[in-house]
Protein backbone atom coordinates (compact mmCIF):
# COMPACT_ATOMS: atom_id res chain seq x y z
CA UNK A 1 34.77 146.69 -312.03
CA UNK A 2 37.73 149.21 -311.04
CA UNK A 3 36.61 152.02 -309.20
CA UNK A 4 39.42 153.53 -307.84
CA UNK A 5 41.33 157.03 -309.94
CA UNK A 6 44.65 157.99 -310.38
CA UNK A 7 44.43 160.70 -307.78
CA UNK A 8 43.53 158.38 -305.51
CA UNK A 9 46.27 155.79 -305.90
CA UNK A 10 48.92 159.08 -305.01
CA UNK A 11 46.58 159.83 -301.93
CA UNK A 12 46.68 155.93 -300.95
CA UNK A 13 50.48 156.07 -301.43
CA UNK A 14 51.08 159.20 -299.14
CA UNK A 15 49.22 157.49 -296.97
CA UNK A 16 51.02 154.28 -296.21
CA UNK A 17 53.22 154.87 -293.16
CA UNK A 18 49.78 155.74 -291.43
CA UNK A 19 47.93 152.55 -292.95
CA UNK A 20 49.96 149.81 -291.02
CA UNK A 21 48.30 150.84 -287.73
CA UNK A 22 44.67 151.69 -287.82
CA UNK A 23 41.60 150.35 -287.77
CA UNK A 24 40.41 152.55 -285.03
CA UNK A 25 37.01 153.94 -285.49
CA UNK A 26 36.70 157.44 -286.22
CA UNK A 27 33.63 158.19 -285.28
CA UNK A 28 34.27 156.76 -282.29
CA UNK A 29 34.41 158.60 -279.00
CA UNK A 30 32.21 155.59 -278.03
CA UNK A 31 36.02 153.89 -278.13
CA UNK A 32 37.86 156.76 -277.87
CA UNK A 33 37.13 156.79 -274.77
CA UNK A 34 36.34 152.69 -275.52
CA UNK A 35 39.79 151.81 -276.13
CA UNK A 36 43.50 152.76 -277.08
CA UNK A 37 45.52 151.42 -279.77
CA UNK A 38 48.09 149.86 -277.78
CA UNK A 39 48.07 148.38 -274.69
CA UNK A 40 50.90 148.67 -272.10
CA UNK A 41 53.88 145.95 -272.28
CA UNK A 42 53.37 143.65 -269.32
CA UNK A 43 55.99 141.39 -267.09
CA UNK A 44 54.90 138.54 -265.85
CA UNK A 45 55.57 139.14 -261.92
CA UNK A 46 57.35 135.05 -261.75
CA UNK A 47 59.91 136.51 -264.11
CA UNK A 48 60.89 139.15 -261.43
CA UNK A 49 62.20 136.16 -259.15
CA UNK A 50 64.83 134.35 -261.83
CA UNK A 51 68.35 135.07 -262.10
CA UNK A 52 69.10 137.26 -264.80
CA UNK A 53 69.21 135.65 -268.33
CA UNK A 54 72.37 135.84 -270.66
CA UNK A 55 72.24 138.47 -273.41
CA UNK A 56 70.41 137.85 -275.92
CA UNK A 57 72.40 138.07 -279.30
CA UNK A 58 71.88 141.76 -280.34
CA UNK A 59 69.30 141.54 -282.86
CA UNK A 60 66.86 140.29 -281.02
CA UNK A 61 67.39 142.59 -278.44
CA UNK A 62 66.70 145.46 -281.07
CA UNK A 63 64.15 144.33 -282.78
CA UNK A 64 61.24 144.43 -279.88
CA UNK A 65 63.07 148.03 -279.45
CA UNK A 66 62.63 149.46 -282.77
CA UNK A 67 59.52 148.18 -283.78
CA UNK A 68 57.89 149.72 -280.91
CA UNK A 69 59.32 152.81 -281.82
CA UNK A 70 58.68 153.12 -285.45
CA UNK A 71 55.02 151.98 -284.10
CA UNK A 72 55.46 155.29 -281.74
CA UNK A 73 56.12 157.52 -284.54
CA UNK A 74 53.66 156.52 -286.79
CA UNK A 75 50.77 156.56 -283.98
CA UNK A 76 52.30 160.13 -283.50
CA UNK A 77 52.03 161.14 -287.41
CA UNK A 78 48.75 160.02 -286.90
CA UNK A 79 47.97 162.12 -284.09
CA UNK A 80 49.46 165.22 -285.88
CA UNK A 81 47.49 164.76 -288.84
CA UNK A 82 44.52 164.79 -286.80
CA UNK A 83 45.44 167.93 -285.15
CA UNK A 84 46.23 169.82 -288.21
CA UNK A 85 42.83 168.68 -289.70
CA UNK A 86 40.78 169.69 -287.04
CA UNK A 87 43.00 173.40 -286.43
CA UNK A 88 42.06 174.17 -290.22
CA UNK A 89 38.67 172.94 -289.99
CA UNK A 90 38.01 175.38 -286.81
CA UNK A 91 40.07 178.39 -288.36
CA UNK A 92 37.98 177.68 -291.42
CA UNK A 93 34.25 177.06 -289.87
CA UNK A 94 33.56 178.21 -286.70
CA UNK A 95 30.95 181.03 -286.59
CA UNK A 96 32.34 184.47 -284.92
CA UNK A 97 29.93 184.66 -282.45
CA UNK A 98 28.40 180.85 -282.09
CA UNK A 99 25.91 179.75 -280.12
CA UNK A 100 25.58 176.37 -280.78
CA UNK A 101 27.85 173.83 -282.08
CA UNK A 102 27.60 170.10 -282.13
CA UNK A 103 30.52 168.25 -280.92
CA UNK A 104 30.94 164.65 -282.54
CA UNK A 105 32.15 161.41 -281.21
CA UNK A 106 35.31 160.59 -283.43
CA UNK A 107 39.21 160.61 -282.37
CA UNK A 108 39.89 163.68 -284.04
CA UNK A 109 37.32 165.65 -281.96
CA UNK A 110 39.66 165.94 -279.41
CA UNK A 111 41.78 168.28 -281.16
CA UNK A 112 38.75 170.37 -282.71
CA UNK A 113 37.68 171.14 -279.08
CA UNK A 114 41.37 171.58 -278.54
CA UNK A 115 41.32 174.01 -281.31
CA UNK A 116 38.39 175.97 -279.98
CA UNK A 117 39.74 176.43 -277.14
CA UNK A 118 42.95 177.94 -278.39
CA UNK A 119 40.63 180.51 -280.40
CA UNK A 120 40.54 182.44 -277.37
CA UNK A 121 37.19 183.44 -278.30
CA UNK A 122 34.70 184.44 -275.76
CA UNK A 123 32.52 180.71 -275.54
CA UNK A 124 30.32 181.76 -272.28
CA UNK A 125 27.25 182.42 -274.47
CA UNK A 126 27.99 179.55 -276.58
CA UNK A 127 26.11 175.67 -276.10
CA UNK A 128 27.89 172.76 -277.18
CA UNK A 129 25.74 169.63 -278.34
CA UNK A 130 27.44 166.75 -277.94
CA UNK A 131 26.59 162.88 -279.45
CA UNK A 132 27.05 161.10 -277.08
CA UNK A 133 28.52 160.74 -273.26
CA UNK A 134 32.08 160.71 -273.83
CA UNK A 135 31.79 163.41 -276.10
CA UNK A 136 29.65 165.00 -273.38
CA UNK A 137 32.53 164.75 -271.19
CA UNK A 138 35.26 166.01 -273.44
CA UNK A 139 33.32 169.30 -273.60
CA UNK A 140 32.66 169.87 -269.84
CA UNK A 141 36.37 168.71 -268.48
CA UNK A 142 37.49 171.64 -271.71
CA UNK A 143 35.32 174.38 -269.46
CA UNK A 144 32.87 174.70 -272.37
CA UNK A 145 28.46 174.51 -271.68
CA UNK A 146 26.99 171.28 -272.77
CA UNK A 147 23.27 171.12 -273.76
CA UNK A 148 21.77 167.56 -274.40
CA UNK A 149 20.09 167.22 -277.70
CA UNK A 150 16.89 166.33 -275.92
CA UNK A 151 17.14 169.78 -274.34
CA UNK A 152 17.44 171.91 -277.50
CA UNK A 153 14.93 174.67 -277.24
CA UNK A 154 12.53 174.86 -280.38
CA UNK A 155 13.29 176.30 -283.91
CA UNK A 156 17.12 176.09 -282.58
CA UNK A 157 19.50 175.23 -285.66
CA UNK A 158 22.91 174.38 -284.53
CA UNK A 159 25.02 176.91 -286.11
CA UNK A 160 28.00 174.03 -286.80
CA UNK A 161 28.63 170.08 -286.27
CA UNK A 162 32.00 168.78 -286.11
CA UNK A 163 32.46 165.02 -286.45
CA UNK A 164 34.98 162.36 -287.60
CA UNK A 165 34.10 159.54 -289.94
CA UNK A 166 35.32 156.22 -290.28
CA UNK A 167 35.48 156.52 -294.17
CA UNK A 168 34.66 159.15 -296.47
CA UNK A 169 34.29 158.51 -300.39
CA UNK A 170 34.33 160.92 -303.30
CA UNK A 171 31.08 162.30 -302.80
CA UNK A 172 32.01 163.13 -299.50
CA UNK A 173 29.45 160.28 -298.30
CA UNK A 174 30.43 158.98 -295.08
CA UNK A 175 30.62 155.87 -292.78
CA UNK A 176 30.40 156.30 -289.17
CA UNK A 177 29.25 154.36 -286.28
CA UNK A 178 32.50 152.38 -285.35
CA UNK A 179 32.18 153.97 -282.06
CA UNK A 180 28.81 153.40 -281.34
CA UNK A 181 27.31 156.37 -281.41
CA UNK A 182 25.80 156.94 -284.71
CA UNK A 183 21.98 157.63 -283.99
CA UNK A 184 22.89 160.76 -282.10
CA UNK A 185 26.01 161.79 -284.85
CA UNK A 186 23.02 161.56 -287.28
CA UNK A 187 20.43 163.89 -285.10
CA UNK A 188 23.41 166.24 -284.31
CA UNK A 189 24.26 166.69 -288.05
CA UNK A 190 20.91 166.98 -289.40
CA UNK A 191 20.42 169.77 -287.07
CA UNK A 192 22.98 172.10 -287.88
CA UNK A 193 23.38 174.60 -290.76
CA UNK A 194 26.47 172.59 -291.95
CA UNK A 195 28.09 169.40 -290.55
CA UNK A 196 32.21 169.41 -291.00
CA UNK A 197 33.87 166.31 -290.91
CA UNK A 198 37.34 166.19 -289.63
CA UNK A 199 39.67 163.28 -289.84
CA UNK A 200 43.55 161.94 -291.48
CA UNK A 201 44.41 160.64 -294.84
CA UNK A 202 43.27 156.76 -294.45
CA UNK A 203 39.48 157.65 -293.89
CA UNK A 204 39.37 159.19 -297.52
CA UNK A 205 38.71 156.23 -300.31
CA UNK A 206 36.96 156.75 -303.77
CA UNK A 207 34.27 154.75 -302.55
CA UNK A 208 32.92 152.90 -298.86
CA UNK A 209 33.65 149.95 -298.00
CA UNK A 210 37.29 149.76 -299.01
CA UNK A 211 38.86 150.02 -296.08
CA UNK A 212 36.47 150.14 -293.90
CA UNK A 213 34.42 146.89 -294.18
CA UNK A 214 31.07 147.28 -292.27
CA UNK A 215 28.24 149.31 -292.13
CA UNK A 216 27.25 149.69 -288.19
CA UNK A 217 23.39 149.67 -287.83
CA UNK A 218 21.67 150.63 -284.51
CA UNK A 219 18.63 148.04 -284.35
CA UNK A 220 16.13 147.58 -281.54
CA UNK A 221 17.72 144.00 -279.23
CA UNK A 222 14.35 142.38 -279.87
CA UNK A 223 14.52 142.23 -284.06
CA UNK A 224 18.27 142.02 -284.08
CA UNK A 225 17.80 138.49 -285.19
CA UNK A 226 15.48 139.27 -287.99
CA UNK A 227 17.48 142.46 -289.64
CA UNK A 228 20.68 139.91 -289.32
CA UNK A 229 18.29 137.79 -291.79
CA UNK A 230 16.98 140.67 -293.86
CA UNK A 231 20.45 142.24 -294.55
CA UNK A 232 21.83 138.87 -295.57
CA UNK A 233 19.13 138.97 -298.35
CA UNK A 234 20.21 142.27 -299.19
CA UNK A 235 23.93 141.05 -299.65
CA UNK A 236 25.32 141.66 -296.62
CA UNK A 237 28.34 139.20 -296.04
CA UNK A 238 28.17 137.65 -292.37
CA UNK A 239 26.89 140.28 -290.64
CA UNK A 240 27.31 139.95 -286.83
CA UNK A 241 25.98 141.77 -283.69
CA UNK A 242 28.87 143.81 -282.14
CA UNK A 243 30.12 142.24 -278.91
CA UNK A 244 31.29 144.28 -275.76
CA UNK A 245 35.04 144.06 -275.40
CA UNK A 246 34.77 141.94 -272.53
CA UNK A 247 32.41 138.74 -273.87
CA UNK A 248 30.88 138.04 -270.26
CA UNK A 249 29.18 141.53 -270.76
CA UNK A 250 27.15 140.15 -273.69
CA UNK A 251 26.35 142.22 -276.77
CA UNK A 252 27.49 146.24 -276.71
CA UNK A 253 24.95 148.39 -276.31
CA UNK A 254 24.09 151.71 -277.64
CA UNK A 255 23.07 155.05 -275.26
CA UNK A 256 19.48 154.43 -276.26
CA UNK A 257 20.39 150.55 -274.96
CA UNK A 258 20.10 149.14 -278.93
CA UNK A 259 22.32 146.90 -280.62
CA UNK A 260 24.36 147.25 -283.31
CA UNK A 261 24.81 145.34 -285.93
CA UNK A 262 28.31 145.21 -288.60
CA UNK A 263 26.97 144.83 -291.41
CA UNK A 264 29.87 143.92 -294.65
CA UNK A 265 29.33 144.52 -298.40
CA UNK A 266 31.25 144.90 -301.12
CA UNK A 267 32.25 148.71 -302.10
CA UNK A 268 29.43 150.84 -302.44
CA UNK A 269 28.73 152.80 -305.68
CA UNK A 270 28.78 156.61 -306.11
CA UNK A 271 26.39 158.11 -308.52
CA UNK A 272 29.54 158.71 -310.83
CA UNK A 273 29.60 154.91 -311.40
CA UNK A 274 25.91 155.05 -312.33
CA UNK A 275 26.41 157.33 -314.65
CA UNK A 276 28.96 155.11 -316.24
CA UNK A 277 26.67 152.73 -316.63
CA UNK A 278 27.28 150.20 -313.79
CA UNK A 279 24.25 148.78 -311.71
CA UNK A 280 23.87 149.59 -307.82
CA UNK A 281 20.46 147.97 -307.46
CA UNK A 282 21.96 145.14 -305.33
CA UNK A 283 22.64 142.39 -307.70
CA UNK A 284 25.25 140.38 -306.34
CA UNK A 285 25.19 142.40 -303.31
CA UNK A 286 26.69 145.68 -304.78
CA UNK A 287 24.50 148.64 -304.10
CA UNK A 288 24.64 152.56 -304.95
CA UNK A 289 25.20 154.49 -301.78
CA UNK A 290 21.80 155.84 -301.34
CA UNK A 291 19.60 153.59 -302.49
CA UNK A 292 21.25 150.76 -299.88
CA UNK A 293 21.23 153.30 -297.10
CA UNK A 294 17.04 153.39 -297.55
CA UNK A 295 16.86 149.64 -298.15
CA UNK A 296 17.99 148.97 -294.61
CA UNK A 297 16.50 151.80 -292.87
CA UNK A 298 12.83 150.29 -293.92
CA UNK A 299 14.08 147.07 -291.98
CA UNK A 300 12.01 147.21 -289.44
CA UNK A 301 13.27 147.48 -286.03
CA UNK A 302 16.22 149.44 -287.79
CA UNK A 303 17.02 152.58 -285.51
CA UNK A 304 19.66 153.97 -287.79
CA UNK A 305 21.74 153.57 -290.37
CA UNK A 306 25.72 154.08 -290.57
CA UNK A 307 25.90 155.84 -293.72
CA UNK A 308 25.95 159.56 -293.96
CA UNK A 309 24.50 160.84 -297.65
CA UNK A 310 21.72 162.98 -299.46
CA UNK A 311 22.09 166.43 -298.75
CA UNK A 312 24.18 169.28 -296.93
CA UNK A 313 23.07 171.45 -294.73
CA UNK A 314 22.83 174.25 -297.44
CA UNK A 315 21.07 172.04 -299.76
CA UNK A 316 18.46 171.31 -297.13
CA UNK A 317 18.21 174.73 -296.22
CA UNK A 318 17.52 176.16 -299.70
CA UNK A 319 14.82 173.06 -300.19
CA UNK A 320 12.63 174.20 -297.27
CA UNK A 321 14.01 171.84 -294.56
CA UNK A 322 17.09 171.65 -291.66
CA UNK A 323 20.50 170.31 -292.26
CA UNK A 324 21.56 167.40 -294.22
CA UNK A 325 23.58 164.04 -293.27
CA UNK A 326 26.64 164.68 -295.36
CA UNK A 327 29.26 167.39 -294.85
CA UNK A 328 29.68 170.22 -296.64
CA UNK A 329 33.50 170.13 -296.46
CA UNK A 330 35.53 167.24 -295.23
CA UNK A 331 39.56 167.79 -293.72
CA UNK A 332 42.18 165.19 -293.89
CA UNK A 333 45.31 165.32 -292.43
CA UNK A 334 48.16 164.27 -294.48
CA UNK A 335 51.51 162.52 -293.86
CA UNK A 336 53.46 165.01 -294.81
CA UNK A 337 51.71 167.86 -291.86
CA UNK A 338 49.29 169.48 -294.77
CA UNK A 339 45.73 169.41 -294.60
CA UNK A 340 43.62 168.38 -298.05
CA UNK A 341 39.87 169.67 -298.07
CA UNK A 342 37.29 168.12 -300.05
CA UNK A 343 33.92 170.47 -300.55
CA UNK A 344 30.84 168.84 -301.78
CA UNK A 345 29.42 169.51 -304.75
CA UNK A 346 26.47 171.35 -304.17
């Protein structure tokens, strides 16, 4: 079953230089803030007392330095791509007289806040709603006013919400939760007039679960093993409870003291696939995006599913509701320094 399109292949080739580094979660201020991509090199203290060794052959001396230089260069390109995407997204979508702004948890959001500050607008009357503890710290450290989600006055709708994603498909469905903040991220997105996704080009794939291999699911600890069993019945391949980075600390817990289950599935179909005659009802573990999201959410013990799909904010408003999970636009920083913009079909 071939799901990619010619323009996706071009994009993939353009993004090759960025792909060597990452599996860092984009929606991960829970890991931004959780872990760094590269750890500093460490020298064994005992080696300091040894006599200096004979010079190594030239190729052996130069190879580690060259590899390190290439990695640093690629990292720099990735970060510049994120900055470019954030700057363009803020320029296009930050309201002139913003009163309420959602700030997500992805690594790219650092550059969103940077871009907001660079606008030079008066933010003294603006309230910024974070999607987790770390994003709150980012807001406060930038000199902006943070307001927790449960302190938003009744009836208030956010003017806009900016967030990243772990992966985005052709219809702008997203996978989020790699950084352990998916429940708050979904709350904020669904309380905003429009949700804007900001990422680099590695995150754009024709179908979800192409490069990013699992769906994060926030679950009550008491129900975790039951949820694991149900996910297996739905076709997930070896779903697991996410551990802490330090094993002795046990399983990772979210800000709600819930566990996260990471559930791998085959790539998810979109509406265009169903229109083309493919079956997305779960046969062989193959699902259409929205159908799988609904099936998982129905499992007792599941708080939230890391698939952002369905209505955009304007669509929800037109239907008499408030906010939508799916972004109205997604901005991707490209390897050549440009920014690719995808808009949701309304």
